Protein backbone atom coordinates (compact mmCIF):
# COMPACT_ATOMS: atom_id res chain seq x y z
CA MET A 1 15.45 -40.46 -74.47
CA PRO A 2 18.09 -38.73 -71.49
CA MET A 3 21.03 -37.36 -74.34
CA GLN A 4 24.44 -38.73 -73.32
CA GLU A 5 27.04 -37.04 -71.98
CA SER A 6 29.16 -36.42 -75.31
CA GLY A 7 26.74 -35.45 -76.88
CA GLU A 8 25.62 -32.86 -74.36
CA MET A 9 29.54 -32.18 -74.41
CA TYR A 10 29.08 -31.21 -78.32
CA LEU A 11 26.34 -28.95 -77.53
CA GLU A 12 27.92 -27.14 -75.06
CA THR A 13 31.18 -26.64 -77.21
CA ILE A 14 29.05 -25.57 -80.03
CA TYR A 15 27.16 -23.04 -77.49
CA VAL A 16 30.02 -21.63 -75.94
CA LEU A 17 32.56 -20.80 -79.71
CA SER A 18 29.43 -19.57 -80.97
CA GLN A 19 29.17 -17.10 -77.87
CA LYS A 20 32.94 -15.97 -79.32
CA SER A 21 32.07 -16.29 -82.86
CA SER A 22 28.86 -16.67 -85.29
CA GLN A 23 31.16 -18.97 -87.56
CA VAL A 24 31.96 -21.78 -85.84
CA ARG A 25 33.81 -24.91 -88.14
CA ALA A 26 33.25 -28.64 -87.05
CA ILE A 27 37.10 -28.00 -86.90
CA ASP A 28 37.00 -25.37 -84.05
CA VAL A 29 34.83 -27.99 -82.19
CA GLY A 30 37.39 -31.02 -82.43
CA GLU A 31 40.16 -28.72 -81.54
CA HIS A 32 38.77 -26.99 -78.42
CA MET A 33 37.31 -30.41 -77.20
CA GLY A 34 40.50 -32.32 -78.34
CA PHE A 35 38.88 -34.69 -80.59
CA SER A 36 39.86 -36.00 -84.08
CA LYS A 37 38.05 -35.13 -87.22
CA PRO A 38 36.03 -38.44 -87.56
CA SER A 39 35.00 -38.48 -83.87
CA VAL A 40 33.31 -34.75 -84.38
CA SER A 41 31.90 -36.03 -87.92
CA ARG A 42 30.05 -38.93 -86.47
CA ALA A 43 28.91 -36.85 -83.61
CA LEU A 44 27.59 -33.89 -85.40
CA GLY A 45 25.79 -36.47 -87.69
CA ILE A 46 24.34 -37.59 -84.39
CA LEU A 47 23.39 -34.25 -83.53
CA LYS A 48 21.87 -33.12 -87.06
CA ASP A 49 19.81 -36.77 -87.02
CA GLU A 50 18.06 -35.55 -83.40
CA GLY A 51 17.55 -32.06 -84.94
CA LEU A 52 19.82 -30.07 -82.64
CA VAL A 53 22.63 -29.00 -85.05
CA PHE A 54 22.58 -28.03 -88.66
CA THR A 55 25.59 -26.78 -91.00
CA ASP A 56 24.93 -24.02 -93.35
CA ASP A 57 25.62 -23.54 -96.80
CA ARG A 58 28.95 -22.32 -95.84
CA GLY A 59 30.04 -25.36 -93.43
CA PHE A 60 29.58 -23.46 -90.28
CA VAL A 61 28.11 -25.62 -87.49
CA ASN A 62 24.87 -23.98 -86.44
CA LEU A 63 22.09 -24.55 -83.23
CA THR A 64 18.69 -25.58 -84.00
CA GLU A 65 16.16 -23.48 -81.59
CA GLU A 66 15.60 -26.74 -79.84
CA GLY A 67 19.71 -27.23 -79.91
CA GLU A 68 20.50 -23.77 -78.29
CA LYS A 69 17.77 -24.09 -75.52
CA LYS A 70 19.44 -27.72 -74.83
CA ALA A 71 22.78 -25.73 -75.24
CA SER A 72 21.90 -23.26 -73.08
CA GLY A 73 20.83 -25.41 -70.09
CA ILE A 74 23.64 -27.93 -70.25
CA TYR A 75 25.83 -24.39 -69.84
CA GLU A 76 24.16 -23.06 -67.40
CA ARG A 77 24.19 -26.16 -65.22
CA HIS A 78 27.87 -25.76 -65.84
CA GLN A 79 28.34 -21.76 -64.18
CA VAL A 80 25.77 -22.29 -61.31
CA LEU A 81 27.68 -25.58 -60.14
CA THR A 82 31.17 -24.28 -60.75
CA LYS A 83 30.18 -21.41 -58.80
CA LEU A 84 28.42 -23.57 -56.07
CA LEU A 85 31.95 -25.41 -55.65
CA MET A 86 33.79 -22.25 -55.71
CA ASP A 87 31.69 -20.36 -53.28
CA ILE A 88 32.65 -23.86 -50.59
CA GLY A 89 36.19 -23.28 -51.32
CA VAL A 90 37.08 -25.78 -54.34
CA ASP A 91 39.77 -24.04 -56.23
CA GLU A 92 38.36 -22.97 -59.72
CA GLU A 93 39.96 -25.73 -62.15
CA THR A 94 39.34 -28.31 -59.79
CA ALA A 95 35.14 -26.89 -60.03
CA THR A 96 35.16 -26.53 -63.30
CA GLU A 97 36.20 -29.99 -64.15
CA ASP A 98 33.89 -31.06 -61.31
CA ALA A 99 31.31 -29.24 -62.46
CA CYS A 100 31.64 -30.71 -66.02
CA ARG A 101 30.98 -34.12 -64.93
CA ILE A 102 28.54 -33.24 -62.35
CA GLU A 103 26.16 -31.42 -65.05
CA HIS A 104 25.22 -34.41 -67.09
CA TYR A 105 24.20 -36.36 -64.30
CA ILE A 106 22.39 -34.15 -61.94
CA SER A 107 18.28 -34.54 -61.40
CA GLU A 108 16.58 -31.04 -62.99
CA LYS A 109 15.09 -30.87 -59.10
CA THR A 110 18.30 -31.06 -57.58
CA PHE A 111 19.80 -28.82 -60.27
CA ALA A 112 16.58 -26.02 -59.21
CA ALA A 113 16.99 -26.54 -55.52
CA ILE A 114 21.10 -25.40 -55.93
CA LYS A 115 20.09 -22.44 -58.07
CA ALA A 116 17.27 -21.37 -56.40
CA ARG A 117 19.91 -21.68 -52.93
CA ILE A 118 22.88 -19.77 -55.18
CA GLY A 119 20.43 -16.75 -55.83
CA SER A 120 19.08 -16.52 -52.47
CA CYS A 121 22.87 -16.58 -51.21
CA ALA A 122 23.40 -14.10 -53.93
CA THR A 123 20.88 -11.38 -52.35
CA LYS A 124 22.06 -11.51 -49.04
CA LYS A 125 25.82 -10.30 -49.47
């Protein structure tokens, strides 16, 4: 069953925060996303049940191996789509916001084609 957009957003946020610090707290996730403690707690509970995150004995939120794989893929889609949109003339803020929406709905087949195209364009420059 495909993951819902909100779950992907939480995974991506945890991934981004974990790239900056090895100690990610639920409150950090909430602050980054602008969500309340109860919303974050509920979402993290669902992600835990799905085996994508766990909380260590100090209370820090960590991605499981599967969670890391999914989160890094979501983040890659975001980065590639942002670059594509900026390459065609969209300003960075709009490109980032639109990429965030698109990344959750684009098919793997279309994303692979975009990624291949951007890679081939980058080598020509």
